[in-house]
Amino acid sequence: MVIVLYGVGIQEAIASGDLRKMKALRKEAKAHLREYGNISVALEVLEAEIKKLEFAGKRKK
């Protein structure tokens, strides 16, 4: 089973009240953090790059 590691997946696990499901998700989330680090930092960098390219595209017109 694939569990999405962001707000919706976490909220669904909590709402389910299923302790086993919540612990499994916690384990996956911790493994993800160890492997990839803080995704919010990477997202901020991605957002900045998108804005740069959008700005550069507007200047070319």
Protein backbone atom coordinates (compact mmCIF):
# COMPACT_ATOMS: atom_id res chain seq x y z
CA MET A 1 0.00 0.00 0.00
CA VAL A 2 1.27 3.48 -0.87
CA ILE A 3 0.69 6.24 1.66
CA VAL A 4 1.20 9.80 0.52
CA LEU A 5 3.62 11.58 2.84
CA TYR A 6 2.04 15.00 3.07
CA GLY A 7 -0.87 16.64 4.86
CA VAL A 8 -3.71 14.58 3.39
CA GLY A 9 -2.05 11.22 4.01
CA ILE A 10 -1.09 12.19 7.54
CA GLN A 11 -4.53 13.65 8.29
CA GLU A 12 -6.22 10.51 6.99
CA ALA A 13 -4.01 8.31 9.15
CA ILE A 14 -4.83 10.39 12.23
CA ALA A 15 -8.55 10.47 11.44
CA SER A 16 -8.60 6.70 11.01
CA GLY A 17 -7.59 6.21 14.64
CA ASP A 18 -5.62 3.18 13.47
CA LEU A 19 -2.48 3.13 15.63
CA ARG A 20 -0.75 0.58 13.42
CA LYS A 21 -1.38 2.75 10.33
CA MET A 22 -0.13 5.88 12.11
CA LYS A 23 3.06 4.14 13.28
CA ALA A 24 3.70 2.76 9.78
CA LEU A 25 3.28 6.24 8.32
CA ARG A 26 5.59 7.70 10.95
CA LYS A 27 8.24 5.13 10.04
CA GLU A 28 7.93 5.97 6.33
CA ALA A 29 8.01 9.71 7.00
CA LYS A 30 11.15 9.42 9.13
CA ALA A 31 12.85 7.30 6.46
CA HIS A 32 11.88 9.90 3.84
CA LEU A 33 13.37 12.70 5.96
CA ARG A 34 16.60 10.75 6.44
CA GLU A 35 16.91 10.16 2.72
CA TYR A 36 15.68 13.47 1.29
CA GLY A 37 15.79 15.98 4.13
CA ASN A 38 13.28 18.72 4.65
CA ILE A 39 11.12 18.91 1.54
CA SER A 40 9.85 22.39 2.43
CA VAL A 41 13.35 23.80 1.96
CA ALA A 42 13.63 22.14 -1.45
CA LEU A 43 10.19 23.49 -2.36
CA GLU A 44 11.29 27.03 -1.49
CA VAL A 45 14.28 26.67 -3.82
CA LEU A 46 12.02 25.29 -6.56
CA GLU A 47 9.60 28.21 -6.14
CA ALA A 48 12.46 30.70 -6.46
CA GLU A 49 13.70 29.04 -9.66
CA ILE A 50 10.19 29.05 -11.15
CA LYS A 51 9.83 32.77 -10.39
CA LYS A 52 13.23 33.50 -11.99
CA LEU A 53 12.28 31.67 -15.18
CA GLU A 54 8.84 33.28 -15.31
CA PHE A 55 10.42 36.72 -14.85
CA ALA A 56 13.03 36.02 -17.55
CA GLY A 57 10.26 34.86 -19.90
CA LYS A 58 8.30 38.07 -19.38
CA ARG A 59 11.40 40.18 -20.10
CA LYS A 60 11.93 38.44 -23.47
CA LYS A 61 8.51 39.48 -24.75
